[in-house]
C-alpha atoms as a PDB file:
ATOM      1  CA  MET A   1      -0.667   8.663  12.008  1.00  0.00           C
ATOM      2  CA  PRO A   2      -0.667   6.360   9.112  1.00  0.00           C
ATOM      3  CA  ILE A   3      -0.090   7.860   5.737  1.00  0.00           C
ATOM      4  CA  VAL A   4      -1.802   5.747   3.062  1.00  0.00           C
ATOM      5  CA  ASP A   5      -1.105   6.179  -0.715  1.00  0.00           C
ATOM      6  CA  VAL A   6      -3.488   4.354  -3.056  1.00  0.00           C
ATOM      7  CA  THR A   7      -2.460   3.998  -6.622  1.00  0.00           C
ATOM      8  CA  VAL A   8      -5.104   2.811  -8.936  1.00  0.00           C
ATOM      9  CA  ALA A   9      -5.275   1.477 -12.564  1.00  0.00           C
ATOM     10  CA  PRO A  10      -7.185   3.726 -15.140  1.00  0.00           C
ATOM     11  CA  ASP A  11     -10.041   1.381 -15.286  1.00  0.00           C
ATOM     12  CA  VAL A  12     -10.980   1.622 -11.533  1.00  0.00           C
ATOM     13  CA  SER A  13     -14.343   3.370 -11.498  1.00  0.00           C
ATOM     14  CA  VAL A  14     -15.174   6.412  -9.417  1.00  0.00           C
ATOM     15  CA  SER A  15     -17.642   4.340  -7.342  1.00  0.00           C
ATOM     16  CA  ASP A  16     -14.765   1.934  -6.495  1.00  0.00           C
ATOM     17  CA  LEU A  17     -12.637   4.877  -5.407  1.00  0.00           C
ATOM     18  CA  GLU A  18     -15.420   6.069  -3.188  1.00  0.00           C
ATOM     19  CA  ARG A  19     -15.732   2.610  -1.654  1.00  0.00           C
ATOM     20  CA  LEU A  20     -11.955   2.474  -1.065  1.00  0.00           C
ATOM     21  CA  ARG A  21     -12.115   5.971   0.602  1.00  0.00           C
ATOM     22  CA  ALA A  22     -14.903   4.626   2.931  1.00  0.00           C
ATOM     23  CA  LEU A  23     -13.288   1.271   3.754  1.00  0.00           C
ATOM     24  CA  LEU A  24      -9.624   2.121   4.157  1.00  0.00           C
ATOM     25  CA  PRO A  25      -9.527   4.360   7.197  1.00  0.00           C
ATOM     26  CA  ASP A  26     -11.209   1.608   9.440  1.00  0.00           C
ATOM     27  CA  LEU A  27      -9.114  -1.262   7.840  1.00  0.00           C
ATOM     28  CA  VAL A  28      -5.890   0.583   8.290  1.00  0.00           C
ATOM     29  CA  ALA A  29      -6.722   1.560  11.814  1.00  0.00           C
ATOM     30  CA  ARG A  30      -7.553  -1.996  12.765  1.00  0.00           C
ATOM     31  CA  ALA A  31      -4.419  -3.296  10.866  1.00  0.00           C
ATOM     32  CA  VAL A  32      -1.832  -1.143  12.617  1.00  0.00           C
ATOM     33  CA  ASP A  33      -3.516  -1.296  16.047  1.00  0.00           C
ATOM     34  CA  CYS A  34      -0.810  -2.139  18.659  1.00  0.00           C
ATOM     35  CA  PRO A  35      -0.268  -1.745  22.432  1.00  0.00           C
ATOM     36  CA  GLU A  36       1.895   1.388  21.806  1.00  0.00           C
ATOM     37  CA  GLU A  37      -0.858   3.020  19.770  1.00  0.00           C
ATOM     38  CA  GLN A  38      -4.140   1.308  20.478  1.00  0.00           C
ATOM     39  CA  TRP A  39      -7.132   1.439  18.090  1.00  0.00           C
ATOM     40  CA  GLN A  40      -9.816   3.693  19.764  1.00  0.00           C
ATOM     41  CA  GLY A  41     -12.639   2.929  17.364  1.00  0.00           C
ATOM     42  CA  PRO A  42     -13.270   4.640  14.090  1.00  0.00           C
ATOM     43  CA  PRO A  43     -10.574   7.008  13.025  1.00  0.00           C
ATOM     44  CA  LYS A  44     -11.150  10.636  13.721  1.00  0.00           C
ATOM     45  CA  PRO A  45     -10.039  13.482  11.448  1.00  0.00           C
ATOM     46  CA  GLY A  46      -6.248  13.776  11.467  1.00  0.00           C
ATOM     47  CA  ASP A  47      -5.859  10.159  12.469  1.00  0.00           C
ATOM     48  CA  ILE A  48      -5.097   8.862   8.833  1.00  0.00           C
ATOM     49  CA  ASP A  49      -3.903  10.717   5.766  1.00  0.00           C
ATOM     50  CA  LEU A  50      -5.420   8.970   2.678  1.00  0.00           C
ATOM     51  CA  ARG A  51      -4.171   9.960  -0.824  1.00  0.00           C
ATOM     52  CA  PHE A  52      -5.306   8.672  -4.194  1.00  0.00           C
ATOM     53  CA  HIS A  53      -3.054   8.560  -7.252  1.00  0.00           C
ATOM     54  CA  ALA A  54      -3.789   7.312 -10.834  1.00  0.00           C
ATOM     55  CA  ARG A  55      -1.263   5.132 -12.275  1.00  0.00           C
ATOM     56  CA  HIS A  56       0.625   7.144 -14.960  1.00  0.00           C
ATOM     57  CA  GLU A  57       0.825   5.685 -18.530  1.00  0.00           C
ATOM     58  CA  LEU A  58       4.546   5.217 -18.145  1.00  0.00           C
ATOM     59  CA  ASP A  59       4.294   3.338 -14.857  1.00  0.00           C
ATOM     60  CA  VAL A  60       4.804  -0.333 -14.981  1.00  0.00           C
ATOM     61  CA  GLY A  61       2.389  -2.416 -12.936  1.00  0.00           C
ATOM     62  CA  TYR A  62      -0.354  -4.742 -13.273  1.00  0.00           C
ATOM     63  CA  ILE A  63      -2.282  -4.642  -9.976  1.00  0.00           C
ATOM     64  CA  ALA A  64      -5.420  -2.619 -10.071  1.00  0.00           C
ATOM     65  CA  VAL A  65      -5.293  -1.179  -6.622  1.00  0.00           C
ATOM     66  CA  VAL A  66      -1.926  -0.916  -4.736  1.00  0.00           C
ATOM     67  CA  VAL A  67      -2.217   0.332  -1.094  1.00  0.00           C
ATOM     68  CA  GLU A  68       0.909   1.649   0.519  1.00  0.00           C
ATOM     69  CA  ILE A  69       0.732   2.246   4.291  1.00  0.00           C
ATOM     70  CA  ARG A  70       3.499   4.088   6.034  1.00  0.00           C
ATOM     71  CA  THR A  71       3.346   4.341   9.775  1.00  0.00           C
ATOM     72  CA  LYS A  72       5.672   4.366  12.881  1.00  0.00           C
ATOM     73  CA  LEU A  73       7.658   1.353  13.858  1.00  0.00           C
ATOM     74  CA  PHE A  74       6.971  -0.224  17.106  1.00  0.00           C
ATOM     75  CA  PRO A  75       8.279  -3.713  18.087  1.00  0.00           C
ATOM     76  CA  SER A  76       4.752  -5.216  18.244  1.00  0.00           C
ATOM     77  CA  ARG A  77       4.024  -3.809  14.785  1.00  0.00           C
ATOM     78  CA  ALA A  78       7.099  -5.382  13.339  1.00  0.00           C
ATOM     79  CA  GLU A  79       6.212  -8.725  14.794  1.00  0.00           C
ATOM     80  CA  GLY A  80       2.687  -8.668  13.145  1.00  0.00           C
ATOM     81  CA  ARG A  81       3.443  -6.749   9.902  1.00  0.00           C
ATOM     82  CA  GLU A  82       2.372  -9.559   7.642  1.00  0.00           C
ATOM     83  CA  ARG A  83      -0.892  -9.877   9.513  1.00  0.00           C
ATOM     84  CA  SER A  84      -1.425  -6.218   9.320  1.00  0.00           C
ATOM     85  CA  ALA A  85      -0.955  -6.179   5.432  1.00  0.00           C
ATOM     86  CA  ASP A  86      -3.324  -9.054   5.188  1.00  0.00           C
ATOM     87  CA  VAL A  87      -6.023  -7.462   7.314  1.00  0.00           C
ATOM     88  CA  VAL A  88      -6.197  -4.693   4.795  1.00  0.00           C
ATOM     89  CA  ARG A  89      -5.970  -6.943   1.716  1.00  0.00           C
ATOM     90  CA  SER A  90      -8.540  -9.433   3.136  1.00  0.00           C
ATOM     91  CA  GLY A  91     -10.908  -6.602   4.086  1.00  0.00           C
ATOM     92  CA  LEU A  92     -10.865  -5.193   0.566  1.00  0.00           C
ATOM     93  CA  GLY A  93     -11.180  -8.652  -0.954  1.00  0.00           C
ATOM     94  CA  ASP A  94     -14.307  -9.236   1.329  1.00  0.00           C
ATOM     95  CA  ASP A  95     -15.784  -6.133  -0.291  1.00  0.00           C
ATOM     96  CA  GLY A  96     -15.269  -7.315  -3.902  1.00  0.00           C
ATOM     97  CA  PHE A  97     -11.718  -5.863  -4.626  1.00  0.00           C
ATOM     98  CA  ALA A  98      -9.927  -8.825  -6.158  1.00  0.00           C
ATOM     99  CA  ASP A  99      -6.844  -7.314  -7.672  1.00  0.00           C
ATOM    100  CA  VAL A 100      -5.244  -5.651  -4.707  1.00  0.00           C
ATOM    101  CA  GLY A 101      -1.730  -5.347  -3.291  1.00  0.00           C
ATOM    102  CA  VAL A 102      -0.848  -3.976   0.161  1.00  0.00           C
ATOM    103  CA  TRP A 103       2.673  -2.759   1.166  1.00  0.00           C
ATOM    104  CA  LEU A 104       3.144  -1.783   4.701  1.00  0.00           C
ATOM    105  CA  ILE A 105       6.214   0.287   5.596  1.00  0.00           C
ATOM    106  CA  LEU A 106       7.215   0.563   9.269  1.00  0.00           C
ATOM    107  CA  SER A 107       9.881   3.123  10.107  1.00  0.00           C
ATOM    108  CA  ALA A 108      11.370   5.133  12.910  1.00  0.00           C
ATOM    109  CA  GLY A 109       9.816   8.578  12.791  1.00  0.00           C
ATOM    110  CA  ALA A 110       7.863  11.237  14.487  1.00  0.00           C
ATOM    111  CA  TRP A 111       4.757  13.158  13.604  1.00  0.00           C
ATOM    112  CA  SER A 112       3.833  16.668  14.388  1.00  0.00           C
ATOM    113  CA  GLN A 113       0.494  18.352  13.281  1.00  0.00           C
ATOM    114  CA  SER A 114      -1.090  21.572  13.670  1.00  0.00           C
END
């Protein structure tokens, strides 16, 4: 299950946040698709944890939307990690988000959920 943190600049509108909320689950699911965890179509509840954060006044940063994706490391994901980050960035760019950065973090881990 990818955990996605989205940090946004203060001038990002509520309607843009709603668009991000609608776009990101599918983009992330397609981006991290791999033979070990194949994409099975649109994400279902519990497949992706999406969190939004406003950039704090003391934060230093100039990108309007920063998307940080954390998910489990598999060899095939490691090989395609740049492509995966580009899938999300390009998908958001295609929808009009011009000032976006995507950071993909792949790590060994395990997930348990109730």
